[in-house]
Amino acid sequence: MSSFEIWLTIVLMGLVTYLPRLLPMAFLSQIVMPRWLEIWLKYVPTSIFGALIFSEIFLRGEVVDTSFFNPHLWAGGIAFLVAFFSRSLPGTIGVGCLAFWLIQQYIFPSL
């Protein structure tokens, strides 16, 4: 691969990464949305994040796992408590990861 092809690839990858973020902002900033739509759209990131987290905690393949022996559920519960009381995203992520590792290593090592 030549030097030109490498630089062209880098520039095109940058455009493909940047344009999907820029274009909606450029077009939607000119549109006045109704107040009810703005309020509704504020819940979209939270609901997407919740869907990602809950599927990771509760789904094992296509089976819902709410058993006592689900280390993801235990670590998620601990992370929820930290998030509720501290309101700290980095703290919640750190404690959640540490809790999951400790649970997986020492409480349910065979799972």
PDB file of N, CA and C in Angstrom:
ATOM      1  N   MET A   1       0.844  -1.166   0.000  1.00  0.00           N
ATOM      2  CA  MET A   1       0.000   0.000   0.000  1.00  0.00           C
ATOM      3  C   MET A   1       0.903   1.247   0.000  1.00  0.00           C
ATOM      4  N   SER A   2       0.625   2.155  -0.898  1.00  0.00           N
ATOM      5  CA  SER A   2       1.462   3.349  -1.022  1.00  0.00           C
ATOM      6  C   SER A   2       1.139   4.364   0.075  1.00  0.00           C
ATOM      7  N   SER A   3       2.017   5.338   0.210  1.00  0.00           N
ATOM      8  CA  SER A   3       1.823   6.388   1.203  1.00  0.00           C
ATOM      9  C   SER A   3       0.549   7.176   0.915  1.00  0.00           C
ATOM     10  N   PHE A   4       0.268   7.423  -0.365  1.00  0.00           N
ATOM     11  CA  PHE A   4      -0.957   8.135  -0.746  1.00  0.00           C
ATOM     12  C   PHE A   4      -2.206   7.367  -0.328  1.00  0.00           C
ATOM     13  N   GLU A   5      -2.204   6.064  -0.556  1.00  0.00           N
ATOM     14  CA  GLU A   5      -3.362   5.239  -0.192  1.00  0.00           C
ATOM     15  C   GLU A   5      -3.580   5.219   1.321  1.00  0.00           C
ATOM     16  N   ILE A   6      -2.489   5.205   2.075  1.00  0.00           N
ATOM     17  CA  ILE A   6      -2.601   5.221   3.539  1.00  0.00           C
ATOM     18  C   ILE A   6      -3.221   6.535   3.997  1.00  0.00           C
ATOM     19  N   TRP A   7      -2.713   7.665   3.476  1.00  0.00           N
ATOM     20  CA  TRP A   7      -3.273   8.960   3.869  1.00  0.00           C
ATOM     21  C   TRP A   7      -4.718   9.119   3.401  1.00  0.00           C
ATOM     22  N   LEU A   8      -5.023   8.633   2.205  1.00  0.00           N
ATOM     23  CA  LEU A   8      -6.400   8.691   1.711  1.00  0.00           C
ATOM     24  C   LEU A   8      -7.332   7.882   2.609  1.00  0.00           C
ATOM     25  N   THR A   9      -6.865   6.723   3.038  1.00  0.00           N
ATOM     26  CA  THR A   9      -7.655   5.889   3.942  1.00  0.00           C
ATOM     27  C   THR A   9      -7.885   6.593   5.267  1.00  0.00           C
ATOM     28  N   ILE A  10      -6.865   7.228   5.813  1.00  0.00           N
ATOM     29  CA  ILE A  10      -6.995   7.937   7.082  1.00  0.00           C
ATOM     30  C   ILE A  10      -7.985   9.090   6.951  1.00  0.00           C
ATOM     31  N   VAL A  11      -7.871   9.872   5.873  1.00  0.00           N
ATOM     32  CA  VAL A  11      -8.784  11.005   5.669  1.00  0.00           C
ATOM     33  C   VAL A  11     -10.216  10.524   5.478  1.00  0.00           C
ATOM     34  N   LEU A  12     -10.417   9.504   4.676  1.00  0.00           N
ATOM     35  CA  LEU A  12     -11.770   8.984   4.456  1.00  0.00           C
ATOM     36  C   LEU A  12     -12.373   8.397   5.729  1.00  0.00           C
ATOM     37  N   MET A  13     -11.550   7.707   6.520  1.00  0.00           N
ATOM     38  CA  MET A  13     -12.051   7.169   7.789  1.00  0.00           C
ATOM     39  C   MET A  13     -12.436   8.309   8.733  1.00  0.00           C
ATOM     40  N   GLY A  14     -11.666   9.389   8.731  1.00  0.00           N
ATOM     41  CA  GLY A  14     -12.018  10.551   9.538  1.00  0.00           C
ATOM     42  C   GLY A  14     -13.338  11.155   9.101  1.00  0.00           C
ATOM     43  N   LEU A  15     -13.551  11.259   7.799  1.00  0.00           N
ATOM     44  CA  LEU A  15     -14.821  11.803   7.296  1.00  0.00           C
ATOM     45  C   LEU A  15     -15.999  10.901   7.652  1.00  0.00           C
ATOM     46  N   VAL A  16     -15.808   9.600   7.486  1.00  0.00           N
ATOM     47  CA  VAL A  16     -16.886   8.661   7.808  1.00  0.00           C
ATOM     48  C   VAL A  16     -17.225   8.703   9.295  1.00  0.00           C
ATOM     49  N   THR A  17     -16.235   8.986  10.124  1.00  0.00           N
ATOM     50  CA  THR A  17     -16.462   9.084  11.561  1.00  0.00           C
ATOM     51  C   THR A  17     -17.088  10.427  11.936  1.00  0.00           C
ATOM     52  N   TYR A  18     -16.644  11.494  11.299  1.00  0.00           N
ATOM     53  CA  TYR A  18     -17.053  12.839  11.688  1.00  0.00           C
ATOM     54  C   TYR A  18     -18.402  13.249  11.084  1.00  0.00           C
ATOM     55  N   LEU A  19     -18.662  12.923   9.823  1.00  0.00           N
ATOM     56  CA  LEU A  19     -19.879  13.375   9.153  1.00  0.00           C
ATOM     57  C   LEU A  19     -21.184  12.914   9.822  1.00  0.00           C
ATOM     58  N   PRO A  20     -21.297  11.661  10.283  1.00  0.00           N
ATOM     59  CA  PRO A  20     -22.550  11.288  10.945  1.00  0.00           C
ATOM     60  C   PRO A  20     -22.821  12.080  12.227  1.00  0.00           C
ATOM     61  N   ARG A  21     -21.797  12.668  12.807  1.00  0.00           N
ATOM     62  CA  ARG A  21     -22.005  13.511  13.984  1.00  0.00           C
ATOM     63  C   ARG A  21     -22.313  14.954  13.583  1.00  0.00           C
ATOM     64  N   LEU A  22     -21.681  15.410  12.539  1.00  0.00           N
ATOM     65  CA  LEU A  22     -21.819  16.806  12.115  1.00  0.00           C
ATOM     66  C   LEU A  22     -23.147  17.070  11.407  1.00  0.00           C
ATOM     67  N   LEU A  23     -23.526  16.203  10.481  1.00  0.00           N
ATOM     68  CA  LEU A  23     -24.704  16.465   9.657  1.00  0.00           C
ATOM     69  C   LEU A  23     -25.994  16.614  10.456  1.00  0.00           C
ATOM     70  N   PRO A  24     -26.300  15.731  11.413  1.00  0.00           N
ATOM     71  CA  PRO A  24     -27.533  15.962  12.188  1.00  0.00           C
ATOM     72  C   PRO A  24     -27.506  17.284  12.954  1.00  0.00           C
ATOM     73  N   MET A  25     -26.362  17.635  13.506  1.00  0.00           N
ATOM     74  CA  MET A  25     -26.282  18.910  14.230  1.00  0.00           C
ATOM     75  C   MET A  25     -26.476  20.078  13.283  1.00  0.00           C
ATOM     76  N   ALA A  26     -25.887  20.002  12.105  1.00  0.00           N
ATOM     77  CA  ALA A  26     -25.988  21.094  11.150  1.00  0.00           C
ATOM     78  C   ALA A  26     -27.424  21.278  10.670  1.00  0.00           C
ATOM     79  N   PHE A  27     -28.114  20.189  10.379  1.00  0.00           N
ATOM     80  CA  PHE A  27     -29.477  20.304   9.863  1.00  0.00           C
ATOM     81  C   PHE A  27     -30.505  20.542  10.963  1.00  0.00           C
ATOM     82  N   LEU A  28     -30.371  19.840  12.083  1.00  0.00           N
ATOM     83  CA  LEU A  28     -31.376  19.963  13.143  1.00  0.00           C
ATOM     84  C   LEU A  28     -31.254  21.261  13.935  1.00  0.00           C
ATOM     85  N   SER A  29     -30.109  21.912  13.870  1.00  0.00           N
ATOM     86  CA  SER A  29     -29.975  23.178  14.598  1.00  0.00           C
ATOM     87  C   SER A  29     -30.798  24.284  13.943  1.00  0.00           C
ATOM     88  N   GLN A  30     -31.166  24.107  12.684  1.00  0.00           N
ATOM     89  CA  GLN A  30     -31.967  25.101  11.967  1.00  0.00           C
ATOM     90  C   GLN A  30     -33.465  24.884  12.156  1.00  0.00           C
ATOM     91  N   ILE A  31     -33.849  23.750  12.699  1.00  0.00           N
ATOM     92  CA  ILE A  31     -35.264  23.400  12.847  1.00  0.00           C
ATOM     93  C   ILE A  31     -35.711  23.685  14.275  1.00  0.00           C
ATOM     94  N   VAL A  32     -36.858  24.316  14.399  1.00  0.00           N
ATOM     95  CA  VAL A  32     -37.442  24.539  15.717  1.00  0.00           C
ATOM     96  C   VAL A  32     -38.396  23.383  15.995  1.00  0.00           C
ATOM     97  N   MET A  33     -38.024  22.595  16.986  1.00  0.00           N
ATOM     98  CA  MET A  33     -38.850  21.436  17.332  1.00  0.00           C
ATOM     99  C   MET A  33     -39.879  21.826  18.385  1.00  0.00           C
ATOM    100  N   PRO A  34     -41.014  21.133  18.369  1.00  0.00           N
ATOM    101  CA  PRO A  34     -41.990  21.387  19.426  1.00  0.00           C
ATOM    102  C   PRO A  34     -41.418  21.010  20.795  1.00  0.00           C
ATOM    103  N   ARG A  35     -41.897  21.671  21.821  1.00  0.00           N
ATOM    104  CA  ARG A  35     -41.385  21.451  23.183  1.00  0.00           C
ATOM    105  C   ARG A  35     -41.567  20.000  23.624  1.00  0.00           C
ATOM    106  N   TRP A  36     -42.707  19.385  23.291  1.00  0.00           N
ATOM    107  CA  TRP A  36     -42.962  18.007  23.714  1.00  0.00           C
ATOM    108  C   TRP A  36     -41.943  17.055  23.087  1.00  0.00           C
ATOM    109  N   LEU A  37     -41.491  17.344  21.846  1.00  0.00           N
ATOM    110  CA  LEU A  37     -40.502  16.487  21.189  1.00  0.00           C
ATOM    111  C   LEU A  37     -39.125  16.643  21.832  1.00  0.00           C
ATOM    112  N   GLU A  38     -38.760  17.861  22.199  1.00  0.00           N
ATOM    113  CA  GLU A  38     -37.489  18.080  22.897  1.00  0.00           C
ATOM    114  C   GLU A  38     -37.463  17.332  24.222  1.00  0.00           C
ATOM    115  N   ILE A  39     -38.559  17.401  24.955  1.00  0.00           N
ATOM    116  CA  ILE A  39     -38.639  16.689  26.238  1.00  0.00           C
ATOM    117  C   ILE A  39     -38.536  15.187  26.018  1.00  0.00           C
ATOM    118  N   TRP A  40     -39.236  14.686  25.028  1.00  0.00           N
ATOM    119  CA  TRP A  40     -39.222  13.251  24.738  1.00  0.00           C
ATOM    120  C   TRP A  40     -37.830  12.792  24.312  1.00  0.00           C
ATOM    121  N   LEU A  41     -37.143  13.598  23.496  1.00  0.00           N
ATOM    122  CA  LEU A  41     -35.813  13.214  23.006  1.00  0.00           C
ATOM    123  C   LEU A  41     -34.765  13.195  24.106  1.00  0.00           C
ATOM    124  N   LYS A  42     -34.986  13.899  25.187  1.00  0.00           N
ATOM    125  CA  LYS A  42     -34.027  13.878  26.288  1.00  0.00           C
ATOM    126  C   LYS A  42     -33.950  12.503  26.962  1.00  0.00           C
ATOM    127  N   TYR A  43     -34.988  11.681  26.805  1.00  0.00           N
ATOM    128  CA  TYR A  43     -35.007  10.350  27.413  1.00  0.00           C
ATOM    129  C   TYR A  43     -34.347   9.286  26.540  1.00  0.00           C
ATOM    130  N   VAL A  44     -34.069   9.601  25.283  1.00  0.00           N
ATOM    131  CA  VAL A  44     -33.523   8.603  24.366  1.00  0.00           C
ATOM    132  C   VAL A  44     -32.157   8.081  24.816  1.00  0.00           C
ATOM    133  N   PRO A  45     -31.163   8.924  25.152  1.00  0.00           N
ATOM    134  CA  PRO A  45     -29.872   8.363  25.578  1.00  0.00           C
ATOM    135  C   PRO A  45     -29.987   7.485  26.820  1.00  0.00           C
ATOM    136  N   THR A  46     -30.815   7.894  27.766  1.00  0.00           N
ATOM    137  CA  THR A  46     -30.988   7.105  28.984  1.00  0.00           C
ATOM    138  C   THR A  46     -31.608   5.750  28.681  1.00  0.00           C
ATOM    139  N   SER A  47     -32.603   5.732  27.806  1.00  0.00           N
ATOM    140  CA  SER A  47     -33.260   4.459  27.499  1.00  0.00           C
ATOM    141  C   SER A  47     -32.347   3.533  26.699  1.00  0.00           C
ATOM    142  N   ILE A  48     -31.546   4.095  25.804  1.00  0.00           N
ATOM    143  CA  ILE A  48     -30.597   3.264  25.050  1.00  0.00           C
ATOM    144  C   ILE A  48     -29.546   2.679  25.992  1.00  0.00           C
ATOM    145  N   PHE A  49     -29.018   3.513  26.885  1.00  0.00           N
ATOM    146  CA  PHE A  49     -28.033   3.038  27.862  1.00  0.00           C
ATOM    147  C   PHE A  49     -28.638   1.950  28.745  1.00  0.00           C
ATOM    148  N   GLY A  50     -29.871   2.167  29.193  1.00  0.00           N
ATOM    149  CA  GLY A  50     -30.548   1.158  30.013  1.00  0.00           C
ATOM    150  C   GLY A  50     -30.724  -0.153  29.277  1.00  0.00           C
ATOM    151  N   ALA A  51     -31.104  -0.082  28.006  1.00  0.00           N
ATOM    152  CA  ALA A  51     -31.280  -1.306  27.220  1.00  0.00           C
ATOM    153  C   ALA A  51     -29.964  -2.062  27.073  1.00  0.00           C
ATOM    154  N   LEU A  52     -28.883  -1.339  26.868  1.00  0.00           N
ATOM    155  CA  LEU A  52     -27.574  -1.996  26.752  1.00  0.00           C
ATOM    156  C   LEU A  52     -27.154  -2.646  28.063  1.00  0.00           C
ATOM    157  N   ILE A  53     -27.339  -1.928  29.156  1.00  0.00           N
ATOM    158  CA  ILE A  53     -26.923  -2.443  30.464  1.00  0.00           C
ATOM    159  C   ILE A  53     -27.783  -3.621  30.896  1.00  0.00           C
ATOM    160  N   PHE A  54     -29.104  -3.478  30.799  1.00  0.00           N
ATOM    161  CA  PHE A  54     -29.978  -4.545  31.281  1.00  0.00           C
ATOM    162  C   PHE A  54     -29.841  -5.821  30.459  1.00  0.00           C
ATOM    163  N   SER A  55     -29.615  -5.687  29.158  1.00  0.00           N
ATOM    164  CA  SER A  55     -29.437  -6.906  28.365  1.00  0.00           C
ATOM    165  C   SER A  55     -28.142  -7.615  28.753  1.00  0.00           C
ATOM    166  N   GLU A  56     -27.105  -6.843  29.084  1.00  0.00           N
ATOM    167  CA  GLU A  56     -25.844  -7.457  29.497  1.00  0.00           C
ATOM    168  C   GLU A  56     -25.971  -8.136  30.866  1.00  0.00           C
ATOM    169  N   ILE A  57     -26.755  -7.545  31.738  1.00  0.00           N
ATOM    170  CA  ILE A  57     -26.903  -8.110  33.083  1.00  0.00           C
ATOM    171  C   ILE A  57     -27.790  -9.350  33.082  1.00  0.00           C
ATOM    172  N   PHE A  58     -28.895  -9.312  32.373  1.00  0.00           N
ATOM    173  CA  PHE A  58     -29.911 -10.355  32.512  1.00  0.00           C
ATOM    174  C   PHE A  58     -29.911 -11.430  31.433  1.00  0.00           C
ATOM    175  N   LEU A  59     -29.309 -11.188  30.266  1.00  0.00           N
ATOM    176  CA  LEU A  59     -29.397 -12.166  29.187  1.00  0.00           C
ATOM    177  C   LEU A  59     -28.139 -13.003  29.080  1.00  0.00           C
ATOM    178  N   ARG A  60     -28.320 -14.303  29.015  1.00  0.00           N
ATOM    179  CA  ARG A  60     -27.253 -15.265  28.730  1.00  0.00           C
ATOM    180  C   ARG A  60     -27.666 -15.965  27.443  1.00  0.00           C
ATOM    181  N   GLY A  61     -27.162 -15.480  26.320  1.00  0.00           N
ATOM    182  CA  GLY A  61     -27.629 -15.989  25.030  1.00  0.00           C
ATOM    183  C   GLY A  61     -29.034 -15.470  24.800  1.00  0.00           C
ATOM    184  N   GLU A  62     -29.981 -16.381  24.701  1.00  0.00           N
ATOM    185  CA  GLU A  62     -31.382 -15.990  24.530  1.00  0.00           C
ATOM    186  C   GLU A  62     -32.210 -16.268  25.777  1.00  0.00           C
ATOM    187  N   VAL A  63     -31.550 -16.606  26.871  1.00  0.00           N
ATOM    188  CA  VAL A  63     -32.231 -16.967  28.112  1.00  0.00           C
ATOM    189  C   VAL A  63     -32.056 -15.850  29.130  1.00  0.00           C
ATOM    190  N   VAL A  64     -33.157 -15.492  29.809  1.00  0.00           N
ATOM    191  CA  VAL A  64     -33.098 -14.493  30.879  1.00  0.00           C
ATOM    192  C   VAL A  64     -32.610 -15.188  32.143  1.00  0.00           C
ATOM    193  N   ASP A  65     -31.534 -14.653  32.737  1.00  0.00           N
ATOM    194  CA  ASP A  65     -30.926 -15.251  33.918  1.00  0.00           C
ATOM    195  C   ASP A  65     -31.090 -14.313  35.113  1.00  0.00           C
ATOM    196  N   THR A  66     -32.028 -14.630  35.985  1.00  0.00           N
ATOM    197  CA  THR A  66     -32.227 -13.854  37.213  1.00  0.00           C
ATOM    198  C   THR A  66     -31.882 -14.699  38.433  1.00  0.00           C
ATOM    199  N   SER A  67     -31.020 -15.690  38.227  1.00  0.00           N
ATOM    200  CA  SER A  67     -30.703 -16.610  39.309  1.00  0.00           C
ATOM    201  C   SER A  67     -29.765 -15.969  40.329  1.00  0.00           C
ATOM    202  N   PHE A  68     -29.676 -16.594  41.470  1.00  0.00           N
ATOM    203  CA  PHE A  68     -28.783 -16.178  42.548  1.00  0.00           C
ATOM    204  C   PHE A  68     -27.324 -16.234  42.112  1.00  0.00           C
ATOM    205  N   PHE A  69     -27.024 -17.117  41.168  1.00  0.00           N
ATOM    206  CA  PHE A  69     -25.645 -17.370  40.749  1.00  0.00           C
ATOM    207  C   PHE A  69     -25.224 -16.538  39.538  1.00  0.00           C
ATOM    208  N   ASN A  70     -25.922 -15.461  39.254  1.00  0.00           N
ATOM    209  CA  ASN A  70     -25.584 -14.577  38.139  1.00  0.00           C
ATOM    210  C   ASN A  70     -24.652 -13.467  38.652  1.00  0.00           C
ATOM    211  N   PRO A  71     -23.334 -13.554  38.366  1.00  0.00           N
ATOM    212  CA  PRO A  71     -22.406 -12.531  38.880  1.00  0.00           C
ATOM    213  C   PRO A  71     -22.669 -11.143  38.294  1.00  0.00           C
ATOM    214  N   HIS A  72     -23.210 -11.088  37.083  1.00  0.00           N
ATOM    215  CA  HIS A  72     -23.538  -9.797  36.469  1.00  0.00           C
ATOM    216  C   HIS A  72     -24.628  -9.085  37.275  1.00  0.00           C
ATOM    217  N   LEU A  73     -25.577  -9.846  37.766  1.00  0.00           N
ATOM    218  CA  LEU A  73     -26.670  -9.272  38.554  1.00  0.00           C
ATOM    219  C   LEU A  73     -26.163  -8.724  39.887  1.00  0.00           C
ATOM    220  N   TRP A  74     -25.282  -9.452  40.529  1.00  0.00           N
ATOM    221  CA  TRP A  74     -24.715  -8.981  41.801  1.00  0.00           C
ATOM    222  C   TRP A  74     -23.889  -7.710  41.595  1.00  0.00           C
ATOM    223  N   ALA A  75     -23.018  -7.717  40.604  1.00  0.00           N
ATOM    224  CA  ALA A  75     -22.189  -6.542  40.344  1.00  0.00           C
ATOM    225  C   ALA A  75     -23.040  -5.357  39.894  1.00  0.00           C
ATOM    226  N   GLY A  76     -24.077  -5.615  39.114  1.00  0.00           N
ATOM    227  CA  GLY A  76     -24.986  -4.549  38.701  1.00  0.00           C
ATOM    228  C   GLY A  76     -25.723  -3.939  39.878  1.00  0.00           C
ATOM    229  N   GLY A  77     -26.115  -4.773  40.826  1.00  0.00           N
ATOM    230  CA  GLY A  77     -26.775  -4.265  42.029  1.00  0.00           C
ATOM    231  C   GLY A  77     -25.848  -3.392  42.862  1.00  0.00           C
ATOM    232  N   ILE A  78     -24.605  -3.822  42.995  1.00  0.00           N
ATOM    233  CA  ILE A  78     -23.625  -3.025  43.742  1.00  0.00           C
ATOM    234  C   ILE A  78     -23.367  -1.705  43.024  1.00  0.00           C
ATOM    235  N   ALA A  79     -23.209  -1.758  41.704  1.00  0.00           N
ATOM    236  CA  ALA A  79     -22.980  -0.536  40.931  1.00  0.00           C
ATOM    237  C   ALA A  79     -24.187   0.399  41.023  1.00  0.00           C
ATOM    238  N   PHE A  80     -25.388  -0.163  41.038  1.00  0.00           N
ATOM    239  CA  PHE A  80     -26.587   0.670  41.171  1.00  0.00           C
ATOM    240  C   PHE A  80     -26.588   1.409  42.501  1.00  0.00           C
ATOM    241  N   LEU A  81     -26.241   0.709  43.568  1.00  0.00           N
ATOM    242  CA  LEU A  81     -26.201   1.363  44.883  1.00  0.00           C
ATOM    243  C   LEU A  81     -25.160   2.477  44.927  1.00  0.00           C
ATOM    244  N   VAL A  82     -23.987   2.221  44.342  1.00  0.00           N
ATOM    245  CA  VAL A  82     -22.955   3.259  44.297  1.00  0.00           C
ATOM    246  C   VAL A  82     -23.447   4.453  43.485  1.00  0.00           C
ATOM    247  N   ALA A  83     -24.075   4.190  42.341  1.00  0.00           N
ATOM    248  CA  ALA A  83     -24.585   5.280  41.503  1.00  0.00           C
ATOM    249  C   ALA A  83     -25.671   6.066  42.226  1.00  0.00           C
ATOM    250  N   PHE A  84     -26.536   5.369  42.920  1.00  0.00           N
ATOM    251  CA  PHE A  84     -27.645   6.029  43.613  1.00  0.00           C
ATOM    252  C   PHE A  84     -27.149   6.954  44.718  1.00  0.00           C
ATOM    253  N   PHE A  85     -26.184   6.485  45.478  1.00  0.00           N
ATOM    254  CA  PHE A  85     -25.725   7.275  46.622  1.00  0.00           C
ATOM    255  C   PHE A  85     -24.625   8.278  46.275  1.00  0.00           C
ATOM    256  N   SER A  86     -23.780   7.968  45.300  1.00  0.00           N
ATOM    257  CA  SER A  86     -22.656   8.862  45.011  1.00  0.00           C
ATOM    258  C   SER A  86     -22.914   9.806  43.838  1.00  0.00           C
ATOM    259  N   ARG A  87     -23.757   9.394  42.897  1.00  0.00           N
ATOM    260  CA  ARG A  87     -24.000  10.170  41.673  1.00  0.00           C
ATOM    261  C   ARG A  87     -22.700  10.414  40.903  1.00  0.00           C
ATOM    262  N   SER A  88     -21.786   9.462  40.978  1.00  0.00           N
ATOM    263  CA  SER A  88     -20.488   9.581  40.319  1.00  0.00           C
ATOM    264  C   SER A  88     -20.358   8.502  39.250  1.00  0.00           C
ATOM    265  N   LEU A  89     -20.289   8.910  37.987  1.00  0.00           N
ATOM    266  CA  LEU A  89     -20.146   7.943  36.904  1.00  0.00           C
ATOM    267  C   LEU A  89     -18.817   7.195  36.958  1.00  0.00           C
ATOM    268  N   PRO A  90     -17.678   7.890  37.114  1.00  0.00           N
ATOM    269  CA  PRO A  90     -16.418   7.139  37.205  1.00  0.00           C
ATOM    270  C   PRO A  90     -16.373   6.200  38.413  1.00  0.00           C
ATOM    271  N   GLY A  91     -16.906   6.662  39.538  1.00  0.00           N
ATOM    272  CA  GLY A  91     -16.942   5.803  40.725  1.00  0.00           C
ATOM    273  C   GLY A  91     -17.814   4.579  40.519  1.00  0.00           C
ATOM    274  N   THR A  92     -18.955   4.786  39.871  1.00  0.00           N
ATOM    275  CA  THR A  92     -19.865   3.669  39.601  1.00  0.00           C
ATOM    276  C   THR A  92     -19.221   2.651  38.678  1.00  0.00           C
ATOM    277  N   ILE A  93     -18.584   3.123  37.626  1.00  0.00           N
ATOM    278  CA  ILE A  93     -17.930   2.215  36.682  1.00  0.00           C
ATOM    279  C   ILE A  93     -16.789   1.464  37.366  1.00  0.00           C
ATOM    280  N   GLY A  94     -15.981   2.185  38.133  1.00  0.00           N
ATOM    281  CA  GLY A  94     -14.862   1.551  38.823  1.00  0.00           C
ATOM    282  C   GLY A  94     -15.306   0.505  39.827  1.00  0.00           C
ATOM    283  N   VAL A  95     -16.273   0.873  40.661  1.00  0.00           N
ATOM    284  CA  VAL A  95     -16.764  -0.071  41.675  1.00  0.00           C
ATOM    285  C   VAL A  95     -17.476  -1.241  41.003  1.00  0.00           C
ATOM    286  N   GLY A  96     -18.240  -0.977  39.944  1.00  0.00           N
ATOM    287  CA  GLY A  96     -18.932  -2.061  39.237  1.00  0.00           C
ATOM    288  C   GLY A  96     -17.962  -3.062  38.637  1.00  0.00           C
ATOM    289  N   CYS A  97     -16.910  -2.558  37.997  1.00  0.00           N
ATOM    290  CA  CYS A  97     -15.901  -3.456  37.406  1.00  0.00           C
ATOM    291  C   CYS A  97     -15.169  -4.247  38.482  1.00  0.00           C
ATOM    292  N   LEU A  98     -14.783  -3.562  39.553  1.00  0.00           N
ATOM    293  CA  LEU A  98     -14.098  -4.238  40.649  1.00  0.00           C
ATOM    294  C   LEU A  98     -15.003  -5.281  41.297  1.00  0.00           C
ATOM    295  N   ALA A  99     -16.258  -4.919  41.520  1.00  0.00           N
ATOM    296  CA  ALA A  99     -17.207  -5.866  42.127  1.00  0.00           C
ATOM    297  C   ALA A  99     -17.388  -7.085  41.245  1.00  0.00           C
ATOM    298  N   PHE A 100     -17.532  -6.876  39.940  1.00  0.00           N
ATOM    299  CA  PHE A 100     -17.705  -8.012  39.037  1.00  0.00           C
ATOM    300  C   PHE A 100     -16.485  -8.916  39.061  1.00  0.00           C
ATOM    301  N   TRP A 101     -15.296  -8.307  39.029  1.00  0.00           N
ATOM    302  CA  TRP A 101     -14.078  -9.113  39.051  1.00  0.00           C
ATOM    303  C   TRP A 101     -13.973  -9.919  40.350  1.00  0.00           C
ATOM    304  N   LEU A 102     -14.212  -9.256  41.483  1.00  0.00           N
ATOM    305  CA  LEU A 102     -14.117  -9.953  42.771  1.00  0.00           C
ATOM    306  C   LEU A 102     -15.155 -11.065  42.890  1.00  0.00           C
ATOM    307  N   ILE A 103     -16.369 -10.792  42.451  1.00  0.00           N
ATOM    308  CA  ILE A 103     -17.435 -11.804  42.513  1.00  0.00           C
ATOM    309  C   ILE A 103     -17.080 -12.986  41.621  1.00  0.00           C
ATOM    310  N   GLN A 104     -16.601 -12.685  40.431  1.00  0.00           N
ATOM    311  CA  GLN A 104     -16.257 -13.758  39.501  1.00  0.00           C
ATOM    312  C   GLN A 104     -15.045 -14.561  39.975  1.00  0.00           C
ATOM    313  N   GLN A 105     -14.093 -13.917  40.647  1.00  0.00           N
ATOM    314  CA  GLN A 105     -12.890 -14.599  41.102  1.00  0.00           C
ATOM    315  C   GLN A 105     -13.101 -15.389  42.398  1.00  0.00           C
ATOM    316  N   TYR A 106     -13.848 -14.813  43.342  1.00  0.00           N
ATOM    317  CA  TYR A 106     -13.876 -15.399  44.685  1.00  0.00           C
ATOM    318  C   TYR A 106     -15.208 -15.966  45.133  1.00  0.00           C
ATOM    319  N   ILE A 107     -16.315 -15.482  44.586  1.00  0.00           N
ATOM    320  CA  ILE A 107     -17.608 -15.984  45.059  1.00  0.00           C
ATOM    321  C   ILE A 107     -18.149 -17.059  44.122  1.00  0.00           C
ATOM    322  N   PHE A 108     -18.120 -16.790  42.822  1.00  0.00           N
ATOM    323  CA  PHE A 108     -18.607 -17.763  41.841  1.00  0.00           C
ATOM    324  C   PHE A 108     -17.498 -18.087  40.834  1.00  0.00           C
ATOM    325  N   PRO A 109     -16.380 -18.675  41.271  1.00  0.00           N
ATOM    326  CA  PRO A 109     -15.246 -18.900  40.356  1.00  0.00           C
ATOM    327  C   PRO A 109     -15.519 -19.958  39.294  1.00  0.00           C
ATOM    328  N   SER A 110     -16.443 -20.833  39.513  1.00  0.00           N
ATOM    329  CA  SER A 110     -16.664 -21.927  38.553  1.00  0.00           C
ATOM    330  C   SER A 110     -17.631 -21.544  37.448  1.00  0.00           C
ATOM    331  N   LEU A 111     -18.218 -20.335  37.506  1.00  0.00           N
ATOM    332  CA  LEU A 111     -19.209 -19.969  36.481  1.00  0.00           C
ATOM    333  C   LEU A 111     -18.565 -19.319  35.296  1.00  0.00           C
TER     334      LEU A 111
END
